[in-house]
């Protein structure tokens, strides 16, 4: 069992990173965990979109 972590500032970047990984994956996905975090710095909002894919490698 292995894990792959993704962390992006925009949800479309996260989607692209995950899709690229899944396209090349030689194995079976066990689970995908997804999380969004928001921070505030002054008047600016900072987003963090992250995911963890748990998989078995063939």
PDB file of N, CA and C in Angstrom:
ATOM      1  N   UNK A   1       0.838  -1.172   0.000  1.00  0.00           N
ATOM      2  CA  UNK A   1       0.000   0.000   0.000  1.00  0.00           C
ATOM      3  C   UNK A   1       0.886   1.239   0.000  1.00  0.00           C
ATOM      4  N   UNK A   2       0.508   2.234  -0.808  1.00  0.00           N
ATOM      5  CA  UNK A   2       1.278   3.464  -0.912  1.00  0.00           C
ATOM      6  C   UNK A   2       0.329   4.651  -0.911  1.00  0.00           C
ATOM      7  N   UNK A   3       0.882   5.843  -0.693  1.00  0.00           N
ATOM      8  CA  UNK A   3       0.088   7.065  -0.754  1.00  0.00           C
ATOM      9  C   UNK A   3       0.772   8.069  -1.675  1.00  0.00           C
ATOM     10  N   UNK A   4      -0.036   8.935  -2.267  1.00  0.00           N
ATOM     11  CA  UNK A   4       0.448  10.055  -3.072  1.00  0.00           C
ATOM     12  C   UNK A   4      -0.287  11.291  -2.579  1.00  0.00           C
ATOM     13  N   UNK A   5       0.464  12.354  -2.254  1.00  0.00           N
ATOM     14  CA  UNK A   5      -0.115  13.588  -1.736  1.00  0.00           C
ATOM     15  C   UNK A   5      -0.083  14.674  -2.799  1.00  0.00           C
ATOM     16  N   UNK A   6      -1.133  15.469  -2.832  1.00  0.00           N
ATOM     17  CA  UNK A   6      -1.243  16.595  -3.755  1.00  0.00           C
ATOM     18  C   UNK A   6      -1.616  17.833  -2.960  1.00  0.00           C
ATOM     19  N   UNK A   7      -1.053  18.986  -3.336  1.00  0.00           N
ATOM     20  CA  UNK A   7      -1.347  20.240  -2.662  1.00  0.00           C
ATOM     21  C   UNK A   7      -1.257  21.360  -3.688  1.00  0.00           C
ATOM     22  N   UNK A   8      -2.373  22.028  -3.934  1.00  0.00           N
ATOM     23  CA  UNK A   8      -2.409  23.088  -4.950  1.00  0.00           C
ATOM     24  C   UNK A   8      -3.166  24.298  -4.415  1.00  0.00           C
ATOM     25  N   UNK A   9      -2.896  25.461  -5.004  1.00  0.00           N
ATOM     26  CA  UNK A   9      -3.555  26.694  -4.585  1.00  0.00           C
ATOM     27  C   UNK A   9      -4.895  26.907  -5.305  1.00  0.00           C
ATOM     28  N   UNK A  10      -5.150  26.128  -6.358  1.00  0.00           N
ATOM     29  CA  UNK A  10      -6.388  26.275  -7.122  1.00  0.00           C
ATOM     30  C   UNK A  10      -6.970  24.894  -7.393  1.00  0.00           C
ATOM     31  N   UNK A  11      -8.300  24.780  -7.327  1.00  0.00           N
ATOM     32  CA  UNK A  11      -8.926  23.466  -7.488  1.00  0.00           C
ATOM     33  C   UNK A  11      -8.709  22.874  -8.871  1.00  0.00           C
ATOM     34  N   UNK A  12      -8.609  23.696  -9.905  1.00  0.00           N
ATOM     35  CA  UNK A  12      -8.362  23.158 -11.240  1.00  0.00           C
ATOM     36  C   UNK A  12      -6.945  22.608 -11.375  1.00  0.00           C
ATOM     37  N   UNK A  13      -5.986  23.200 -10.677  1.00  0.00           N
ATOM     38  CA  UNK A  13      -4.624  22.666 -10.663  1.00  0.00           C
ATOM     39  C   UNK A  13      -4.584  21.319  -9.955  1.00  0.00           C
ATOM     40  N   UNK A  14      -5.345  21.202  -8.867  1.00  0.00           N
ATOM     41  CA  UNK A  14      -5.418  19.923  -8.152  1.00  0.00           C
ATOM     42  C   UNK A  14      -6.032  18.852  -9.047  1.00  0.00           C
ATOM     43  N   UNK A  15      -7.096  19.211  -9.723  1.00  0.00           N
ATOM     44  CA  UNK A  15      -7.747  18.278 -10.639  1.00  0.00           C
ATOM     45  C   UNK A  15      -6.783  17.797 -11.719  1.00  0.00           C
ATOM     46  N   UNK A  16      -6.033  18.718 -12.308  1.00  0.00           N
ATOM     47  CA  UNK A  16      -5.083  18.366 -13.366  1.00  0.00           C
ATOM     48  C   UNK A  16      -3.981  17.455 -12.827  1.00  0.00           C
ATOM     49  N   UNK A  17      -3.464  17.757 -11.650  1.00  0.00           N
ATOM     50  CA  UNK A  17      -2.397  16.936 -11.050  1.00  0.00           C
ATOM     51  C   UNK A  17      -2.888  15.525 -10.763  1.00  0.00           C
ATOM     52  N   UNK A  18      -4.085  15.410 -10.215  1.00  0.00           N
ATOM     53  CA  UNK A  18      -4.636  14.085  -9.891  1.00  0.00           C
ATOM     54  C   UNK A  18      -4.910  13.304 -11.169  1.00  0.00           C
ATOM     55  N   UNK A  19      -5.510  13.959 -12.168  1.00  0.00           N
ATOM     56  CA  UNK A  19      -5.797  13.259 -13.425  1.00  0.00           C
ATOM     57  C   UNK A  19      -4.529  12.756 -14.100  1.00  0.00           C
ATOM     58  N   UNK A  20      -3.451  13.543 -14.047  1.00  0.00           N
ATOM     59  CA  UNK A  20      -2.173  13.100 -14.632  1.00  0.00           C
ATOM     60  C   UNK A  20      -1.648  11.878 -13.888  1.00  0.00           C
ATOM     61  N   UNK A  21      -1.709  11.904 -12.553  1.00  0.00           N
ATOM     62  CA  UNK A  21      -1.249  10.770 -11.760  1.00  0.00           C
ATOM     63  C   UNK A  21      -2.084   9.526 -12.061  1.00  0.00           C
ATOM     64  N   UNK A  22      -3.401   9.672 -12.122  1.00  0.00           N
ATOM     65  CA  UNK A  22      -4.282   8.520 -12.358  1.00  0.00           C
ATOM     66  C   UNK A  22      -4.090   7.938 -13.754  1.00  0.00           C
ATOM     67  N   UNK A  23      -3.792   8.799 -14.733  1.00  0.00           N
ATOM     68  CA  UNK A  23      -3.568   8.326 -16.098  1.00  0.00           C
ATOM     69  C   UNK A  23      -2.381   7.368 -16.162  1.00  0.00           C
ATOM     70  N   UNK A  24      -1.342   7.654 -15.373  1.00  0.00           N
ATOM     71  CA  UNK A  24      -0.123   6.857 -15.395  1.00  0.00           C
ATOM     72  C   UNK A  24      -0.071   5.779 -14.306  1.00  0.00           C
ATOM     73  N   UNK A  25      -1.107   5.712 -13.477  1.00  0.00           N
ATOM     74  CA  UNK A  25      -1.100   4.774 -12.352  1.00  0.00           C
ATOM     75  C   UNK A  25      -1.214   3.332 -12.834  1.00  0.00           C
ATOM     76  N   UNK A  26      -0.296   2.506 -12.392  1.00  0.00           N
ATOM     77  CA  UNK A  26      -0.353   1.072 -12.646  1.00  0.00           C
ATOM     78  C   UNK A  26      -0.667   0.403 -11.315  1.00  0.00           C
ATOM     79  N   UNK A  27      -1.947   0.412 -10.946  1.00  0.00           N
ATOM     80  CA  UNK A  27      -2.343  -0.146  -9.663  1.00  0.00           C
ATOM     81  C   UNK A  27      -3.821   0.093  -9.423  1.00  0.00           C
ATOM     82  N   UNK A  28      -4.242  -0.180  -8.207  1.00  0.00           N
ATOM     83  CA  UNK A  28      -5.645  -0.060  -7.828  1.00  0.00           C
ATOM     84  C   UNK A  28      -5.805   0.993  -6.737  1.00  0.00           C
ATOM     85  N   UNK A  29      -6.765   1.888  -6.919  1.00  0.00           N
ATOM     86  CA  UNK A  29      -7.054   2.913  -5.923  1.00  0.00           C
ATOM     87  C   UNK A  29      -7.850   2.300  -4.783  1.00  0.00           C
ATOM     88  N   UNK A  30      -7.421   2.561  -3.567  1.00  0.00           N
ATOM     89  CA  UNK A  30      -8.142   2.113  -2.382  1.00  0.00           C
ATOM     90  C   UNK A  30      -9.076   3.212  -1.891  1.00  0.00           C
ATOM     91  N   UNK A  31      -8.562   4.445  -1.827  1.00  0.00           N
ATOM     92  CA  UNK A  31      -9.366   5.556  -1.314  1.00  0.00           C
ATOM     93  C   UNK A  31      -8.749   6.878  -1.759  1.00  0.00           C
ATOM     94  N   UNK A  32      -9.579   7.919  -1.801  1.00  0.00           N
ATOM     95  CA  UNK A  32      -9.109   9.279  -2.060  1.00  0.00           C
ATOM     96  C   UNK A  32      -9.676  10.178  -0.966  1.00  0.00           C
ATOM     97  N   UNK A  33      -8.804  10.906  -0.295  1.00  0.00           N
ATOM     98  CA  UNK A  33      -9.194  11.864   0.744  1.00  0.00           C
ATOM     99  C   UNK A  33      -8.986  13.259   0.170  1.00  0.00           C
ATOM    100  N   UNK A  34      -9.946  14.146   0.405  1.00  0.00           N
ATOM    101  CA  UNK A  34      -9.913  15.503  -0.155  1.00  0.00           C
ATOM    102  C   UNK A  34     -10.134  16.508   0.963  1.00  0.00           C
ATOM    103  N   UNK A  35      -9.441  17.647   0.876  1.00  0.00           N
ATOM    104  CA  UNK A  35      -9.571  18.660   1.918  1.00  0.00           C
ATOM    105  C   UNK A  35      -9.337  20.045   1.342  1.00  0.00           C
ATOM    106  N   UNK A  36     -10.070  21.028   1.871  1.00  0.00           N
ATOM    107  CA  UNK A  36      -9.871  22.428   1.513  1.00  0.00           C
ATOM    108  C   UNK A  36      -9.602  23.197   2.792  1.00  0.00           C
ATOM    109  N   UNK A  37      -8.570  24.024   2.777  1.00  0.00           N
ATOM    110  CA  UNK A  37      -8.263  24.892   3.918  1.00  0.00           C
ATOM    111  C   UNK A  37      -8.242  26.335   3.423  1.00  0.00           C
ATOM    112  N   UNK A  38      -8.732  27.227   4.269  1.00  0.00           N
ATOM    113  CA  UNK A  38      -8.766  28.645   3.927  1.00  0.00           C
ATOM    114  C   UNK A  38      -8.090  29.423   5.050  1.00  0.00           C
ATOM    115  N   UNK A  39      -7.164  30.282   4.666  1.00  0.00           N
ATOM    116  CA  UNK A  39      -6.505  31.159   5.629  1.00  0.00           C
ATOM    117  C   UNK A  39      -6.719  32.609   5.219  1.00  0.00           C
ATOM    118  N   UNK A  40      -6.644  33.489   6.165  1.00  0.00           N
ATOM    119  CA  UNK A  40      -6.830  34.911   5.882  1.00  0.00           C
ATOM    120  C   UNK A  40      -5.565  35.659   6.296  1.00  0.00           C
ATOM    121  N   UNK A  41      -5.043  36.443   5.357  1.00  0.00           N
ATOM    122  CA  UNK A  41      -3.864  37.263   5.609  1.00  0.00           C
ATOM    123  C   UNK A  41      -4.232  38.694   5.235  1.00  0.00           C
ATOM    124  N   UNK A  42      -4.524  39.506   6.238  1.00  0.00           N
ATOM    125  CA  UNK A  42      -5.018  40.852   5.968  1.00  0.00           C
ATOM    126  C   UNK A  42      -6.392  40.757   5.349  1.00  0.00           C
ATOM    127  N   UNK A  43      -6.544  41.292   4.149  1.00  0.00           N
ATOM    128  CA  UNK A  43      -7.821  41.200   3.435  1.00  0.00           C
ATOM    129  C   UNK A  43      -7.803  40.116   2.365  1.00  0.00           C
ATOM    130  N   UNK A  44      -6.712  39.368   2.289  1.00  0.00           N
ATOM    131  CA  UNK A  44      -6.560  38.323   1.273  1.00  0.00           C
ATOM    132  C   UNK A  44      -6.938  36.958   1.840  1.00  0.00           C
ATOM    133  N   UNK A  45      -7.679  36.186   1.047  1.00  0.00           N
ATOM    134  CA  UNK A  45      -7.997  34.806   1.414  1.00  0.00           C
ATOM    135  C   UNK A  45      -7.032  33.886   0.678  1.00  0.00           C
ATOM    136  N   UNK A  46      -6.474  32.924   1.406  1.00  0.00           N
ATOM    137  CA  UNK A  46      -5.534  31.969   0.833  1.00  0.00           C
ATOM    138  C   UNK A  46      -6.165  30.582   0.898  1.00  0.00           C
ATOM    139  N   UNK A  47      -6.280  29.942  -0.255  1.00  0.00           N
ATOM    140  CA  UNK A  47      -6.887  28.617  -0.331  1.00  0.00           C
ATOM    141  C   UNK A  47      -5.813  27.553  -0.522  1.00  0.00           C
ATOM    142  N   UNK A  48      -6.067  26.402   0.042  1.00  0.00           N
ATOM    143  CA  UNK A  48      -5.192  25.250  -0.132  1.00  0.00           C
ATOM    144  C   UNK A  48      -6.084  24.042  -0.415  1.00  0.00           C
ATOM    145  N   UNK A  49      -5.976  23.498  -1.611  1.00  0.00           N
ATOM    146  CA  UNK A  49      -6.736  22.324  -2.007  1.00  0.00           C
ATOM    147  C   UNK A  49      -5.780  21.135  -1.984  1.00  0.00           C
ATOM    148  N   UNK A  50      -6.121  20.113  -1.213  1.00  0.00           N
ATOM    149  CA  UNK A  50      -5.215  18.972  -1.104  1.00  0.00           C
ATOM    150  C   UNK A  50      -5.986  17.663  -1.192  1.00  0.00           C
ATOM    151  N   UNK A  51      -5.251  16.635  -1.581  1.00  0.00           N
ATOM    152  CA  UNK A  51      -5.826  15.297  -1.690  1.00  0.00           C
ATOM    153  C   UNK A  51      -4.747  14.267  -1.400  1.00  0.00           C
ATOM    154  N   UNK A  52      -5.190  13.134  -0.895  1.00  0.00           N
ATOM    155  CA  UNK A  52      -4.303  12.001  -0.677  1.00  0.00           C
ATOM    156  C   UNK A  52      -4.948  10.787  -1.339  1.00  0.00           C
ATOM    157  N   UNK A  53      -4.193  10.150  -2.207  1.00  0.00           N
ATOM    158  CA  UNK A  53      -4.666   8.941  -2.864  1.00  0.00           C
ATOM    159  C   UNK A  53      -3.941   7.758  -2.236  1.00  0.00           C
ATOM    160  N   UNK A  54      -4.715   6.819  -1.745  1.00  0.00           N
ATOM    161  CA  UNK A  54      -4.176   5.573  -1.172  1.00  0.00           C
ATOM    162  C   UNK A  54      -4.387   4.501  -2.231  1.00  0.00           C
ATOM    163  N   UNK A  55      -3.297   3.804  -2.576  1.00  0.00           N
ATOM    164  CA  UNK A  55      -3.387   2.841  -3.670  1.00  0.00           C
ATOM    165  C   UNK A  55      -2.436   1.666  -3.460  1.00  0.00           C
ATOM    166  N   UNK A  56      -2.718   0.595  -4.192  1.00  0.00           N
ATOM    167  CA  UNK A  56      -1.821  -0.549  -4.280  1.00  0.00           C
ATOM    168  C   UNK A  56      -1.138  -0.507  -5.636  1.00  0.00           C
ATOM    169  N   UNK A  57       0.164  -0.658  -5.625  1.00  0.00           N
ATOM    170  CA  UNK A  57       0.945  -0.632  -6.861  1.00  0.00           C
ATOM    171  C   UNK A  57       1.056  -2.057  -7.397  1.00  0.00           C
ATOM    172  N   UNK A  58       0.848  -2.207  -8.730  1.00  0.00           N
ATOM    173  CA  UNK A  58       0.983  -3.533  -9.358  1.00  0.00           C
ATOM    174  C   UNK A  58       2.433  -3.871  -9.610  1.00  0.00           C
TER     175      UNK A  58
END
